[in-house]
């Protein structure tokens, strides 16, 4: 190739380089961020579920069939009872288990929370702890307070000392109705109720809740037979009834 041809090729290449440089400069002027490094993509963070450490709040609300003397102590005399409870949790209650002493008597997963307690085989005078444990989905246990229940099927003892059965009383006078041997071996005496029947209805004349268990009766002005009924009831609800029949008259010598 001649020198003139080589010079022509060089001129053409120089022209091409010049044109490309002009075009590149024009592009960069319109796209100033072309050579800037691309920003790093944000790191994805794993969101963990919150840890539940809060146990349910459980309360025994009622033991049906039991007579309670305060919120945590009571007596039962029947063969069956129902234990009722409430349970709440910051997330949700999964189930509630009911216990008598150390044995479970029932479980429930929905409100109302209750279990049936078969008390037929309980020994008279035996004491038992009633409670419930609730659990949430995380397994946290929450226990109620213990309720103390005593089995009592034995009624009180009672003797009416005065007036004597078949005796007489004087019209318009105050007759003392007295008792002896009023006691109860398990739950204790709750009260003694005195009633008088004149043949048509019973009228309660005294309700006594502490010893001595006596009552003053104003004998009516009408002569005739009267039945005195004295009922002693223990704290479990067991009653003992004693009756005395007397005749009301003007004097002790006449009827």
Protein backbone atom coordinates (compact mmCIF):
# COMPACT_ATOMS: atom_id res chain seq x y z
CA UNK A 1 0.00 0.00 0.00
CA UNK A 2 1.27 3.48 -0.90
CA UNK A 3 1.99 6.19 1.50
CA UNK A 4 -0.95 8.19 0.22
CA UNK A 5 -3.36 5.30 0.88
CA UNK A 6 -2.01 4.77 4.43
CA UNK A 7 -2.40 8.44 5.13
CA UNK A 8 -5.99 8.33 3.92
CA UNK A 9 -6.89 5.39 6.15
CA UNK A 10 -5.33 7.11 9.13
CA UNK A 11 -7.35 10.22 8.44
CA UNK A 12 -10.55 8.19 8.23
CA UNK A 13 -9.82 6.43 11.55
CA UNK A 14 -9.03 9.70 13.19
CA UNK A 15 -12.32 11.09 11.91
CA UNK A 16 -14.21 8.05 13.25
CA UNK A 17 -12.56 8.37 16.68
CA UNK A 18 -13.40 12.06 16.73
CA UNK A 19 -17.03 11.44 15.87
CA UNK A 20 -17.34 8.69 18.48
CA UNK A 21 -15.76 10.97 21.08
CA UNK A 22 -18.22 13.73 20.25
CA UNK A 23 -21.14 11.34 20.49
CA UNK A 24 -19.89 9.94 23.83
CA UNK A 25 -19.44 13.41 25.24
CA UNK A 26 -22.95 14.34 24.15
CA UNK A 27 -24.41 11.22 25.82
CA UNK A 28 -22.56 11.78 29.07
CA UNK A 29 -23.67 15.39 29.21
CA UNK A 30 -27.27 14.17 29.10
CA UNK A 31 -26.69 11.22 31.47
CA UNK A 32 -24.38 12.51 34.22
CA UNK A 33 -24.97 9.50 36.52
CA UNK A 34 -23.86 6.92 33.99
CA UNK A 35 -20.55 6.24 35.74
CA UNK A 36 -21.86 6.60 39.33
CA UNK A 37 -21.93 3.31 41.28
CA UNK A 38 -25.36 1.78 41.68
CA UNK A 39 -26.69 1.97 45.29
CA UNK A 40 -26.67 -1.28 47.18
CA UNK A 41 -30.07 -2.92 47.60
CA UNK A 42 -31.39 -2.77 51.17
CA UNK A 43 -30.79 -5.87 53.27
CA UNK A 44 -33.97 -7.83 53.98
CA UNK A 45 -34.64 -8.14 57.73
CA UNK A 46 -36.38 -11.17 59.22
CA UNK A 47 -39.25 -10.14 61.56
CA UNK A 48 -39.64 -12.61 64.43
CA UNK A 49 -42.95 -13.22 66.19
CA UNK A 50 -43.22 -11.70 69.71
CA UNK A 51 -42.60 -14.12 72.57
CA UNK A 52 -45.68 -14.69 74.78
CA UNK A 53 -44.71 -15.10 78.43
CA UNK A 54 -47.99 -13.90 79.97
CA UNK A 55 -50.09 -16.70 81.57
CA UNK A 56 -53.90 -16.69 81.60
CA UNK A 57 -55.81 -15.25 84.57
CA UNK A 58 -58.16 -17.90 86.01
CA UNK A 59 -60.78 -17.59 88.75
CA UNK A 60 -63.18 -20.11 90.30
CA UNK A 61 -66.52 -18.30 90.27
CA UNK A 62 -68.88 -20.89 91.75
CA UNK A 63 -69.19 -24.43 93.04
CA UNK A 64 -72.86 -25.29 92.54
CA UNK A 65 -74.26 -27.49 95.26
CA UNK A 66 -71.85 -26.10 97.85
CA UNK A 67 -72.76 -23.62 100.57
CA UNK A 68 -69.90 -21.14 100.90
CA UNK A 69 -69.11 -19.43 104.19
CA UNK A 70 -66.57 -17.17 102.42
CA UNK A 71 -65.05 -17.05 98.89
CA UNK A 72 -62.50 -19.81 99.59
CA UNK A 73 -64.24 -22.10 102.11
CA UNK A 74 -67.48 -24.02 101.88
CA UNK A 75 -69.37 -27.25 102.55
CA UNK A 76 -71.16 -29.70 100.30
CA UNK A 77 -73.69 -32.44 101.10
CA UNK A 78 -74.92 -33.72 97.73
CA UNK A 79 -73.66 -36.28 95.20
CA UNK A 80 -72.87 -33.87 92.35
CA UNK A 81 -71.53 -30.37 91.83
CA UNK A 82 -70.41 -28.16 88.98
CA UNK A 83 -67.22 -26.11 89.19
CA UNK A 84 -67.38 -22.89 87.14
CA UNK A 85 -64.45 -20.63 86.23
CA UNK A 86 -63.50 -17.62 84.13
CA UNK A 87 -60.25 -17.41 82.15
CA UNK A 88 -58.70 -14.52 80.18
CA UNK A 89 -55.39 -14.11 78.34
CA UNK A 90 -53.59 -11.35 76.43
CA UNK A 91 -53.51 -13.59 73.31
CA UNK A 92 -56.10 -16.27 73.89
CA UNK A 93 -57.03 -19.15 76.21
CA UNK A 94 -56.42 -22.58 74.70
CA UNK A 95 -58.01 -24.71 77.44
CA UNK A 96 -58.90 -24.84 81.14
CA UNK A 97 -58.32 -27.95 83.28
CA UNK A 98 -60.25 -28.51 86.51
CA UNK A 99 -58.72 -30.30 89.50
CA UNK A 100 -59.90 -31.80 92.76
CA UNK A 101 -56.86 -32.22 95.00
CA UNK A 102 -54.27 -33.58 92.51
CA UNK A 103 -56.67 -35.31 90.10
CA UNK A 104 -58.16 -33.71 86.98
CA UNK A 105 -61.95 -33.97 86.69
CA UNK A 106 -62.45 -32.29 83.33
CA UNK A 107 -61.15 -29.94 80.62
CA UNK A 108 -62.82 -27.43 78.34
CA UNK A 109 -61.60 -25.30 75.44
CA UNK A 110 -64.45 -22.80 75.15
CA UNK A 111 -66.30 -20.49 77.49
CA UNK A 112 -68.27 -21.02 79.71
CA UNK A 113 -65.54 -23.01 81.46
CA UNK A 114 -66.92 -25.67 83.83
CA UNK A 115 -66.54 -29.30 84.90
CA UNK A 116 -68.81 -31.77 86.69
CA UNK A 117 -67.61 -33.05 90.08
CA UNK A 118 -69.01 -36.42 91.22
CA UNK A 119 -69.04 -36.17 95.03
CA UNK A 120 -71.01 -39.35 95.75
CA UNK A 121 -68.01 -41.33 97.00
CA UNK A 122 -66.60 -38.61 99.27
CA UNK A 123 -66.23 -39.52 102.92
CA UNK A 124 -68.16 -37.41 105.42
CA UNK A 125 -65.85 -34.82 106.94
CA UNK A 126 -63.23 -35.10 104.17
CA UNK A 127 -61.62 -31.89 102.91
CA UNK A 128 -60.78 -31.20 99.26
CA UNK A 129 -59.01 -28.52 97.22
CA UNK A 130 -60.82 -27.26 94.13
CA UNK A 131 -58.90 -25.25 91.51
CA UNK A 132 -58.51 -24.66 87.77
CA UNK A 133 -55.46 -24.16 85.53
CA UNK A 134 -55.74 -22.30 82.22
CA UNK A 135 -53.19 -22.54 79.38
CA UNK A 136 -52.65 -20.33 76.35
CA UNK A 137 -51.29 -21.28 72.90
CA UNK A 138 -47.72 -20.73 74.13
CA UNK A 139 -48.27 -23.22 76.95
CA UNK A 140 -48.16 -20.67 79.77
CA UNK A 141 -50.13 -22.00 82.79
CA UNK A 142 -52.21 -19.78 85.06
CA UNK A 143 -53.82 -21.19 88.21
CA UNK A 144 -56.82 -20.00 90.18
CA UNK A 145 -56.74 -19.76 93.95
CA UNK A 146 -57.60 -22.93 95.88
CA UNK A 147 -61.16 -23.31 97.16
CA UNK A 148 -61.53 -25.53 100.24
CA UNK A 149 -64.64 -27.73 100.19
CA UNK A 150 -65.62 -30.10 103.03
CA UNK A 151 -68.10 -32.94 102.65
CA UNK A 152 -70.84 -32.81 105.33
CA UNK A 153 -73.84 -35.13 105.16
CA UNK A 154 -74.45 -35.37 108.93
CA UNK A 155 -77.22 -33.14 110.36
CA UNK A 156 -76.92 -31.43 113.76
CA UNK A 157 -78.08 -32.92 117.03
CA UNK A 158 -81.01 -31.22 118.77
CA UNK A 159 -83.16 -31.74 121.84
CA UNK A 160 -86.12 -29.54 122.84
CA UNK A 161 -85.95 -29.30 126.62
CA UNK A 162 -89.00 -27.12 127.35
CA UNK A 163 -91.97 -27.18 127.09
CA UNK A 164 -92.47 -30.93 127.32
CA UNK A 165 -94.32 -32.76 124.60
CA UNK A 166 -97.95 -33.20 125.68
CA UNK A 167 -97.64 -30.49 128.34
CA UNK A 168 -99.74 -27.40 128.92
CA UNK A 169 -99.05 -23.68 128.63
CA UNK A 170 -101.03 -20.74 130.03
CA UNK A 171 -102.90 -18.40 127.71
CA UNK A 172 -101.34 -14.94 127.34
CA UNK A 173 -98.11 -15.79 129.15
CA UNK A 174 -94.55 -15.84 127.85
CA UNK A 175 -93.37 -19.41 127.42
CA UNK A 176 -89.66 -20.11 127.13
CA UNK A 177 -88.78 -22.66 124.45
CA UNK A 178 -85.38 -24.03 125.40
CA UNK A 179 -83.07 -26.54 123.73
CA UNK A 180 -80.10 -28.65 124.75
CA UNK A 181 -77.50 -30.68 122.89
CA UNK A 182 -77.49 -28.44 119.83
CA UNK A 183 -74.26 -29.18 117.98
CA UNK A 184 -72.78 -30.27 114.66
CA UNK A 185 -69.55 -32.23 114.28
CA UNK A 186 -68.44 -31.11 110.78
CA UNK A 187 -69.55 -27.68 109.58
CA UNK A 188 -71.14 -26.34 112.76
CA UNK A 189 -74.61 -25.05 113.50
CA UNK A 190 -75.79 -22.28 111.20
CA UNK A 191 -79.03 -21.40 112.98
CA UNK A 192 -82.04 -22.70 114.89
CA UNK A 193 -85.53 -21.67 113.75
CA UNK A 194 -88.54 -21.76 116.08
CA UNK A 195 -92.04 -22.03 114.62
CA UNK A 196 -95.52 -22.42 116.13
CA UNK A 197 -98.51 -23.93 114.33
CA UNK A 198 -102.03 -23.33 115.64
CA UNK A 199 -103.58 -25.79 113.24
CA UNK A 200 -103.81 -23.45 110.27
CA UNK A 201 -100.31 -22.15 109.56
CA UNK A 202 -96.69 -22.08 110.73
CA UNK A 203 -95.43 -18.81 112.16
CA UNK A 204 -91.71 -18.25 112.67
CA UNK A 205 -91.24 -16.63 116.06
CA UNK A 206 -87.41 -16.81 116.42
CA UNK A 207 -84.29 -17.42 114.35
CA UNK A 208 -81.23 -17.86 116.56
CA UNK A 209 -77.70 -18.13 115.17
CA UNK A 210 -75.68 -18.48 118.39
CA UNK A 211 -75.86 -20.43 121.61
CA UNK A 212 -77.92 -20.53 123.77
CA UNK A 213 -80.57 -21.59 121.23
CA UNK A 214 -83.69 -20.50 123.09
CA UNK A 215 -86.81 -18.53 122.23
CA UNK A 216 -89.58 -16.75 124.12
CA UNK A 217 -93.10 -17.41 122.81
CA UNK A 218 -96.08 -15.30 123.79
CA UNK A 219 -98.91 -17.82 124.05
CA UNK A 220 -102.03 -16.63 122.19
CA UNK A 221 -105.27 -15.88 124.04
CA UNK A 222 -107.09 -18.67 122.20
CA UNK A 223 -107.17 -22.05 123.88
CA UNK A 224 -106.28 -25.16 121.94
CA UNK A 225 -103.42 -27.35 120.74
CA UNK A 226 -100.25 -25.81 119.37
CA UNK A 227 -97.33 -27.56 117.66
CA UNK A 228 -93.88 -26.11 118.26
CA UNK A 229 -91.35 -26.98 115.55
CA UNK A 230 -87.65 -26.39 116.17
CA UNK A 231 -85.27 -26.82 113.21
CA UNK A 232 -81.50 -26.80 113.58
CA UNK A 233 -79.55 -26.43 110.31
CA UNK A 234 -75.80 -26.78 109.87
CA UNK A 235 -73.61 -24.73 107.49
CA UNK A 236 -73.86 -27.41 104.81
CA UNK A 237 -77.67 -27.13 104.84
CA UNK A 238 -78.46 -30.36 106.71
CA UNK A 239 -81.56 -29.93 108.93
CA UNK A 240 -82.68 -31.65 112.12
CA UNK A 241 -86.32 -31.14 113.12
CA UNK A 242 -87.91 -31.66 116.53
CA UNK A 243 -91.58 -31.05 117.35
CA UNK A 244 -93.47 -30.60 120.60
CA UNK A 245 -97.25 -30.49 120.93
CA UNK A 246 -98.76 -28.51 123.80
CA UNK A 247 -102.23 -27.43 124.94
CA UNK A 248 -102.90 -23.77 125.79
CA UNK A 249 -105.40 -23.19 128.60
CA UNK A 250 -106.41 -20.63 131.23
CA UNK A 251 -104.81 -22.47 134.12
CA UNK A 252 -102.78 -25.60 134.70
CA UNK A 253 -105.71 -27.32 136.35
CA UNK A 254 -108.35 -26.85 133.67
CA UNK A 255 -108.74 -27.59 129.96
